[in-house]
C-alpha atoms as a PDB file:
ATOM      1  CA  MET A   1      79.313 105.910 142.486  1.00  0.00           C
ATOM      2  CA  PRO A   2      80.934 109.103 143.629  1.00  0.00           C
ATOM      3  CA  VAL A   3      81.210 111.868 141.130  1.00  0.00           C
ATOM      4  CA  LYS A   4      84.897 111.866 141.430  1.00  0.00           C
ATOM      5  CA  ASN A   5      85.105 108.407 139.881  1.00  0.00           C
ATOM      6  CA  TYR A   6      84.008 109.996 136.620  1.00  0.00           C
ATOM      7  CA  SER A   7      86.401 112.378 135.261  1.00  0.00           C
ATOM      8  CA  ILE A   8      88.248 113.772 132.282  1.00  0.00           C
ATOM      9  CA  GLY A   9      91.654 114.746 133.691  1.00  0.00           C
ATOM     10  CA  LYS A  10      90.797 116.492 137.011  1.00  0.00           C
ATOM     11  CA  ASN A  11      87.339 117.659 135.751  1.00  0.00           C
ATOM     12  CA  PRO A  12      84.228 115.700 136.866  1.00  0.00           C
ATOM     13  CA  TYR A  13      82.295 114.653 133.696  1.00  0.00           C
ATOM     14  CA  THR A  14      79.019 113.188 132.603  1.00  0.00           C
ATOM     15  CA  PHE A  15      77.094 112.766 129.324  1.00  0.00           C
ATOM     16  CA  LEU A  16      73.722 113.838 128.265  1.00  0.00           C
ATOM     17  CA  LEU A  17      71.078 112.681 125.610  1.00  0.00           C
ATOM     18  CA  ALA A  18      68.920 115.296 124.172  1.00  0.00           C
ATOM     19  CA  SER A  19      67.031 112.736 121.953  1.00  0.00           C
ATOM     20  CA  ARG A  20      67.028 109.109 121.069  1.00  0.00           C
ATOM     21  CA  GLY A  21      66.613 107.141 117.867  1.00  0.00           C
ATOM     22  CA  CYS A  22      66.583 108.458 114.385  1.00  0.00           C
ATOM     23  CA  PRO A  23      63.842 109.670 111.980  1.00  0.00           C
ATOM     24  CA  PHE A  24      65.712 108.083 109.020  1.00  0.00           C
ATOM     25  CA  ASN A  25      66.002 104.359 107.816  1.00  0.00           C
ATOM     26  CA  CYS A  26      69.318 104.435 106.002  1.00  0.00           C
ATOM     27  CA  SER A  27      70.222 101.101 104.423  1.00  0.00           C
ATOM     28  CA  PHE A  28      73.907 101.542 105.366  1.00  0.00           C
ATOM     29  CA  CYS A  29      73.193 102.334 109.153  1.00  0.00           C
ATOM     30  CA  GLY A  30      74.108  99.491 111.536  1.00  0.00           C
ATOM     31  CA  LYS A  31      72.073 101.154 114.462  1.00  0.00           C
ATOM     32  CA  PRO A  32      68.777  99.561 115.294  1.00  0.00           C
ATOM     33  CA  LEU A  33      65.601 101.348 114.259  1.00  0.00           C
ATOM     34  CA  VAL A  34      64.340 103.234 117.296  1.00  0.00           C
ATOM     35  CA  PRO A  35      61.543 105.793 116.949  1.00  0.00           C
ATOM     36  CA  TYR A  36      62.974 109.145 117.152  1.00  0.00           C
ATOM     37  CA  ARG A  37      62.038 111.002 120.430  1.00  0.00           C
ATOM     38  CA  ARG A  38      63.478 114.514 121.413  1.00  0.00           C
ATOM     39  CA  ARG A  39      63.376 116.061 124.937  1.00  0.00           C
ATOM     40  CA  THR A  40      62.163 119.495 125.664  1.00  0.00           C
ATOM     41  CA  LEU A  41      64.439 122.335 126.154  1.00  0.00           C
ATOM     42  CA  LYS A  42      63.070 122.669 129.588  1.00  0.00           C
ATOM     43  CA  SER A  43      63.854 119.109 130.406  1.00  0.00           C
ATOM     44  CA  ILE A  44      67.447 119.403 129.235  1.00  0.00           C
ATOM     45  CA  GLU A  45      68.022 122.600 131.083  1.00  0.00           C
ATOM     46  CA  ASN A  46      66.597 120.908 134.297  1.00  0.00           C
ATOM     47  CA  GLU A  47      69.215 118.106 133.823  1.00  0.00           C
ATOM     48  CA  VAL A  48      72.093 120.473 133.162  1.00  0.00           C
ATOM     49  CA  ASP A  49      71.073 122.392 136.412  1.00  0.00           C
ATOM     50  CA  GLN A  50      71.202 119.143 138.329  1.00  0.00           C
ATOM     51  CA  ILE A  51      74.457 118.261 136.800  1.00  0.00           C
ATOM     52  CA  ALA A  52      76.162 121.686 137.679  1.00  0.00           C
ATOM     53  CA  GLY A  53      74.681 121.246 141.222  1.00  0.00           C
ATOM     54  CA  MET A  54      76.680 118.155 141.674  1.00  0.00           C
ATOM     55  CA  GLY A  55      79.832 120.211 140.869  1.00  0.00           C
ATOM     56  CA  ILE A  56      80.241 118.517 137.379  1.00  0.00           C
ATOM     57  CA  ARG A  57      81.654 121.082 134.745  1.00  0.00           C
ATOM     58  CA  ALA A  58      82.168 118.951 131.744  1.00  0.00           C
ATOM     59  CA  VAL A  59      79.187 117.547 129.823  1.00  0.00           C
ATOM     60  CA  ASP A  60      79.402 115.305 126.653  1.00  0.00           C
ATOM     61  CA  PHE A  61      76.320 115.488 124.461  1.00  0.00           C
ATOM     62  CA  GLU A  62      76.146 111.911 123.303  1.00  0.00           C
ATOM     63  CA  ASP A  63      73.540 112.600 120.662  1.00  0.00           C
ATOM     64  CA  ASP A  64      73.697 111.602 117.030  1.00  0.00           C
ATOM     65  CA  MET A  65      70.736 113.862 116.041  1.00  0.00           C
ATOM     66  CA  LEU A  66      71.726 116.941 118.251  1.00  0.00           C
ATOM     67  CA  ASN A  67      71.641 119.440 115.304  1.00  0.00           C
ATOM     68  CA  LEU A  68      69.019 117.741 113.169  1.00  0.00           C
ATOM     69  CA  ASP A  69      66.690 120.601 113.669  1.00  0.00           C
ATOM     70  CA  ILE A  70      68.757 123.653 113.626  1.00  0.00           C
ATOM     71  CA  ALA A  71      66.146 125.956 115.187  1.00  0.00           C
ATOM     72  CA  PHE A  72      65.839 123.624 118.205  1.00  0.00           C
ATOM     73  CA  PHE A  73      69.611 123.166 118.292  1.00  0.00           C
ATOM     74  CA  ARG A  74      70.097 126.996 118.554  1.00  0.00           C
ATOM     75  CA  GLY A  75      67.739 126.861 121.720  1.00  0.00           C
ATOM     76  CA  TYR A  76      70.621 125.052 123.448  1.00  0.00           C
ATOM     77  CA  ALA A  77      73.020 127.927 123.211  1.00  0.00           C
END
């Protein structure tokens, strides 16, 4: 699908995942237990560069564990 079909207002938009799963096993959580895997900063940077190259300026980090590791999270900034 063309990038223009995905937008927030007039801005082309996409989402990005930096990790999958969760390292916890909370009894109240409705999400399926999936082993926690985190991408490298380089992998994330490469994807952001690709996204920017497509003219997309709005990125939604759909990641429940984005700030699980504060030192790693600060590497995003």
